[in-house]
Amino acid sequence: MPAPLSLRRAAALGLKVAAVLAFLPPLLTRLVIGQAFFFTGRGKLQNFEGTVSFFTELGIPFPAANAAFVSRLEFYGGMLLIVGLATRLVAAGLASTMVVALLTADRQAFLDALWGVGDKILPDVTPFAYLLFLLWLIVFGPGPLSLDALVSRWLRPTPAAREAAT
C-alpha cells in the first residue's frame, strides 16, 4: 500500500528544502573552524616564545621550527578555511596538527574520554571535535559558497571547449 499523497508531498517538500539549504553545513563549519584556528594561530604568533616553550615541554622535536610552522598553518589556514580556498589541503594539514595535539598536549584527556574515565566525553576534547570537523571538510569539501567552488567552475571547460578537444 503506497503512502498517502499528503505524506509523499510533505516528504518531497522536505527534500527540496534540505537541498536548498545544503550549502549551510559546509559554510558554517568552515567559518567556525576557520575562525577558531585563525585566533589560536594568532595567539601562538603573538606569544611565540611561550609556544616554543610549550612545544619543548611536550617533547615535540625541533620546537621552534614546529611552533613557527603550526602557528602559521593555523593563522593562514584559518583564513583560507573561512574563504574556502584550498580547503581540503588546509584541512588535512590542520587535521595532522590535531592528531599531534591528541598524542601530546591532550593525550590524557583524550584517553580518559575514550575509555569513559572521569566526567569528560569525547566531544569535550577540543582537538578531537576539531579533527572530526576537519575530516568532514576533507571528505565532503568546502561546499558551493567557497572560493574553491568558484575556481572549480572557472577551470571547468565549457561545452564548446570540450567539443573542440574531441
Protein backbone atom coordinates (compact mmCIF):
# COMPACT_ATOMS: atom_id res chain seq x y z
CA MET A 1 0.00 0.00 0.00
CA PRO A 2 1.56 3.31 -1.06
CA ALA A 3 1.97 6.18 1.37
CA PRO A 4 -0.81 8.78 1.41
CA LEU A 5 -0.42 11.61 -1.08
CA SER A 6 -0.12 14.24 1.66
CA LEU A 7 2.77 12.34 3.23
CA ARG A 8 4.55 11.98 -0.11
CA ARG A 9 4.11 15.71 -0.80
CA ALA A 10 5.44 16.59 2.66
CA ALA A 11 8.45 14.34 2.11
CA ALA A 12 9.11 15.88 -1.31
CA LEU A 13 8.87 19.37 0.16
CA GLY A 14 11.24 18.41 2.97
CA LEU A 15 13.77 17.10 0.46
CA LYS A 16 13.52 20.30 -1.61
CA VAL A 17 14.06 22.48 1.46
CA ALA A 18 17.04 20.33 2.52
CA ALA A 19 18.54 20.63 -0.98
CA VAL A 20 18.14 24.41 -0.96
CA LEU A 21 19.83 24.66 2.46
CA ALA A 22 22.61 22.16 1.69
CA PHE A 23 25.15 24.98 1.33
CA LEU A 24 24.85 25.85 5.04
CA PRO A 25 26.66 22.97 6.81
CA PRO A 26 29.98 23.27 4.95
CA LEU A 27 29.82 27.07 5.06
CA LEU A 28 29.15 27.24 8.79
CA THR A 29 31.74 24.55 9.52
CA ARG A 30 34.39 26.46 7.56
CA LEU A 31 33.50 29.77 9.22
CA VAL A 32 33.52 28.43 12.79
CA ILE A 33 36.56 26.16 12.49
CA GLY A 34 38.43 28.72 10.37
CA GLN A 35 37.83 31.45 12.94
CA ALA A 36 38.94 29.18 15.79
CA PHE A 37 42.20 28.31 14.03
CA PHE A 38 42.79 31.91 12.98
CA PHE A 39 42.58 33.09 16.60
CA THR A 40 44.66 30.24 18.03
CA GLY A 41 47.30 30.77 15.35
CA ARG A 42 47.34 34.49 16.03
CA GLY A 43 47.73 33.81 19.75
CA LYS A 44 50.63 31.46 19.10
CA LEU A 45 52.32 34.03 16.87
CA GLN A 46 51.81 36.83 19.41
CA ASN A 47 53.28 34.69 22.19
CA PHE A 48 55.78 32.82 20.07
CA GLU A 49 58.33 32.23 22.85
CA GLY A 50 55.59 30.74 25.01
CA THR A 51 54.55 28.48 22.15
CA VAL A 52 58.14 27.30 21.65
CA SER A 53 58.44 26.68 25.40
CA PHE A 54 55.18 24.70 25.41
CA PHE A 55 56.28 22.60 22.43
CA THR A 56 59.60 21.97 24.21
CA GLU A 57 57.78 20.79 27.35
CA LEU A 58 55.70 18.42 25.24
CA GLY A 59 58.84 16.89 23.75
CA ILE A 60 57.98 17.90 20.20
CA PRO A 61 61.16 17.74 18.10
CA PHE A 62 62.53 20.99 16.69
CA PRO A 63 60.16 23.02 18.86
CA ALA A 64 60.99 26.42 17.33
CA ALA A 65 60.57 25.20 13.76
CA ASN A 66 57.39 23.27 14.59
CA ALA A 67 55.96 26.22 16.54
CA ALA A 68 56.62 28.51 13.58
CA PHE A 69 55.02 26.03 11.18
CA VAL A 70 51.95 25.25 13.30
CA SER A 71 51.35 28.89 14.24
CA ARG A 72 51.37 29.97 10.61
CA LEU A 73 49.37 26.95 9.46
CA GLU A 74 46.66 27.78 11.99
CA PHE A 75 46.74 31.53 11.28
CA TYR A 76 46.78 31.45 7.49
CA GLY A 77 44.93 28.13 7.27
CA GLY A 78 42.12 29.60 9.34
CA MET A 79 41.81 32.48 6.89
CA LEU A 80 41.82 30.07 3.94
CA LEU A 81 39.11 27.93 5.54
CA ILE A 82 36.94 30.99 6.11
CA VAL A 83 37.00 31.91 2.42
CA GLY A 84 37.04 28.28 1.29
CA LEU A 85 40.30 28.26 -0.65
CA ALA A 86 42.47 25.11 -0.74
CA THR A 87 40.02 23.74 1.81
CA ARG A 88 40.86 20.06 1.57
CA LEU A 89 44.62 20.66 1.65
CA VAL A 90 44.41 23.10 4.57
CA ALA A 91 42.00 20.84 6.46
CA ALA A 92 44.41 17.91 6.01
CA GLY A 93 47.29 19.95 7.40
CA LEU A 94 45.25 21.17 10.34
CA ALA A 95 43.92 17.64 10.96
CA SER A 96 47.50 16.43 11.29
CA THR A 97 48.14 19.06 13.97
CA MET A 98 45.04 17.86 15.82
CA VAL A 99 46.39 14.31 15.77
CA VAL A 100 49.67 15.57 17.25
CA ALA A 101 47.71 17.52 19.88
CA LEU A 102 45.79 14.36 20.81
CA LEU A 103 49.06 12.43 21.11
CA THR A 104 50.83 15.10 23.19
CA ALA A 105 49.10 18.01 24.93
CA ASP A 106 45.63 16.42 25.20
CA ARG A 107 46.67 12.79 25.38
CA GLN A 108 45.41 12.07 28.90
CA ALA A 109 42.12 13.93 28.40
CA PHE A 110 41.59 12.04 25.12
CA LEU A 111 42.34 8.65 26.65
CA ASP A 112 40.17 9.34 29.69
CA ALA A 113 37.25 10.40 27.47
CA LEU A 114 37.81 7.45 25.14
CA TRP A 115 37.69 4.92 27.99
CA GLY A 116 34.96 6.74 29.94
CA VAL A 117 37.19 7.65 32.88
CA GLY A 118 36.19 10.84 34.68
CA ASP A 119 33.47 13.23 33.67
CA LYS A 120 34.65 14.14 30.14
CA ILE A 121 33.33 12.62 26.95
CA LEU A 122 34.99 12.72 23.52
CA PRO A 123 33.26 15.93 22.31
CA ASP A 124 34.74 17.68 25.39
CA VAL A 125 38.25 17.11 23.99
CA THR A 126 38.56 20.08 21.64
CA PRO A 127 41.22 18.66 19.27
CA PHE A 128 39.09 15.55 18.77
CA ALA A 129 35.99 17.60 17.89
CA TYR A 130 38.05 19.79 15.55
CA LEU A 131 39.56 16.68 13.96
CA LEU A 132 36.09 15.34 13.17
CA PHE A 133 35.03 18.62 11.53
CA LEU A 134 38.28 18.79 9.56
CA LEU A 135 37.86 15.20 8.35
CA TRP A 136 34.33 16.10 7.25
CA LEU A 137 35.71 19.02 5.22
CA ILE A 138 38.39 16.79 3.69
CA VAL A 139 35.84 14.20 2.57
CA PHE A 140 32.92 16.44 1.53
CA GLY A 141 34.75 19.62 0.57
CA PRO A 142 34.06 23.31 1.13
CA GLY A 143 30.59 23.49 -0.36
CA PRO A 144 29.22 25.70 -3.12
CA LEU A 145 29.78 29.03 -1.31
CA SER A 146 33.57 28.93 -1.40
CA LEU A 147 36.44 30.16 -3.49
CA ASP A 148 37.27 26.52 -4.24
CA ALA A 149 33.86 26.14 -5.94
CA LEU A 150 34.37 29.39 -7.84
CA VAL A 151 37.82 28.31 -9.05
CA SER A 152 36.44 24.89 -9.99
CA ARG A 153 33.69 26.47 -12.08
CA TRP A 154 36.22 28.83 -13.68
CA LEU A 155 38.59 25.97 -14.59
CA ARG A 156 35.84 23.67 -15.84
CA PRO A 157 35.92 23.58 -19.63
CA THR A 158 32.91 24.91 -21.45
CA PRO A 159 30.89 22.55 -23.66
CA ALA A 160 32.42 24.26 -26.74
CA ALA A 161 35.94 23.68 -25.42
CA ARG A 162 35.18 20.02 -24.66
CA GLU A 163 33.79 19.56 -28.16
CA ALA A 164 36.84 21.23 -29.73
CA ALA A 165 39.16 18.94 -27.74
CA THR A 166 37.50 15.81 -29.16
